[in-house]
Amino acid sequence: MYFKFIIFFLLAVSFWSCGTDPLTEKEKKAYEQQSLLSMATDGNVRSDCVYCSNTQAFQGSCSCYQNIPVFSCAGIPSGGGKSNSYKISCSNLTKLGIWAKVSANAYSCTYLTCPPEAYRAAFTEGQ
């Protein structure tokens, strides 16, 4: 009788352990940071970048740059201004709001014409 219970318990524990993710949140975050660092140190990796001069209460102007080196869009950690290149697409972002084409690969908008998505994109951290 106890033998069946022990076998059942061992099988249940083995199925449960196979179903759980071995990586903790801390390990996942460290892996993401290492991946971003690796991309930033490689000069050939390019991405779109959005920069807003003031993201508080959707004030300030924003710029979106297409296909620039990832390291040139370093996130600004404090203050009103923020930049981000994580999961940013200027072609999608510039379809919202009213953007002025500044150059072949750069767009700009003011606080009157920038969509809220631009400000959200600027201060979104890689998650």
Foldseek 3Di string as FASTA:
>chain_A
DVVVVVVVVVVVVVVVVVPDDPDDPVNVVVVVVVVLVVQLVPQQRWFKKKKFPALPPLAGKMKIFGTHRSNVQDFDDDDGMGMDGAPDDCVVQCVAWDWDDPDPGMIMDHSVTHDNVSSVRRPDDDD
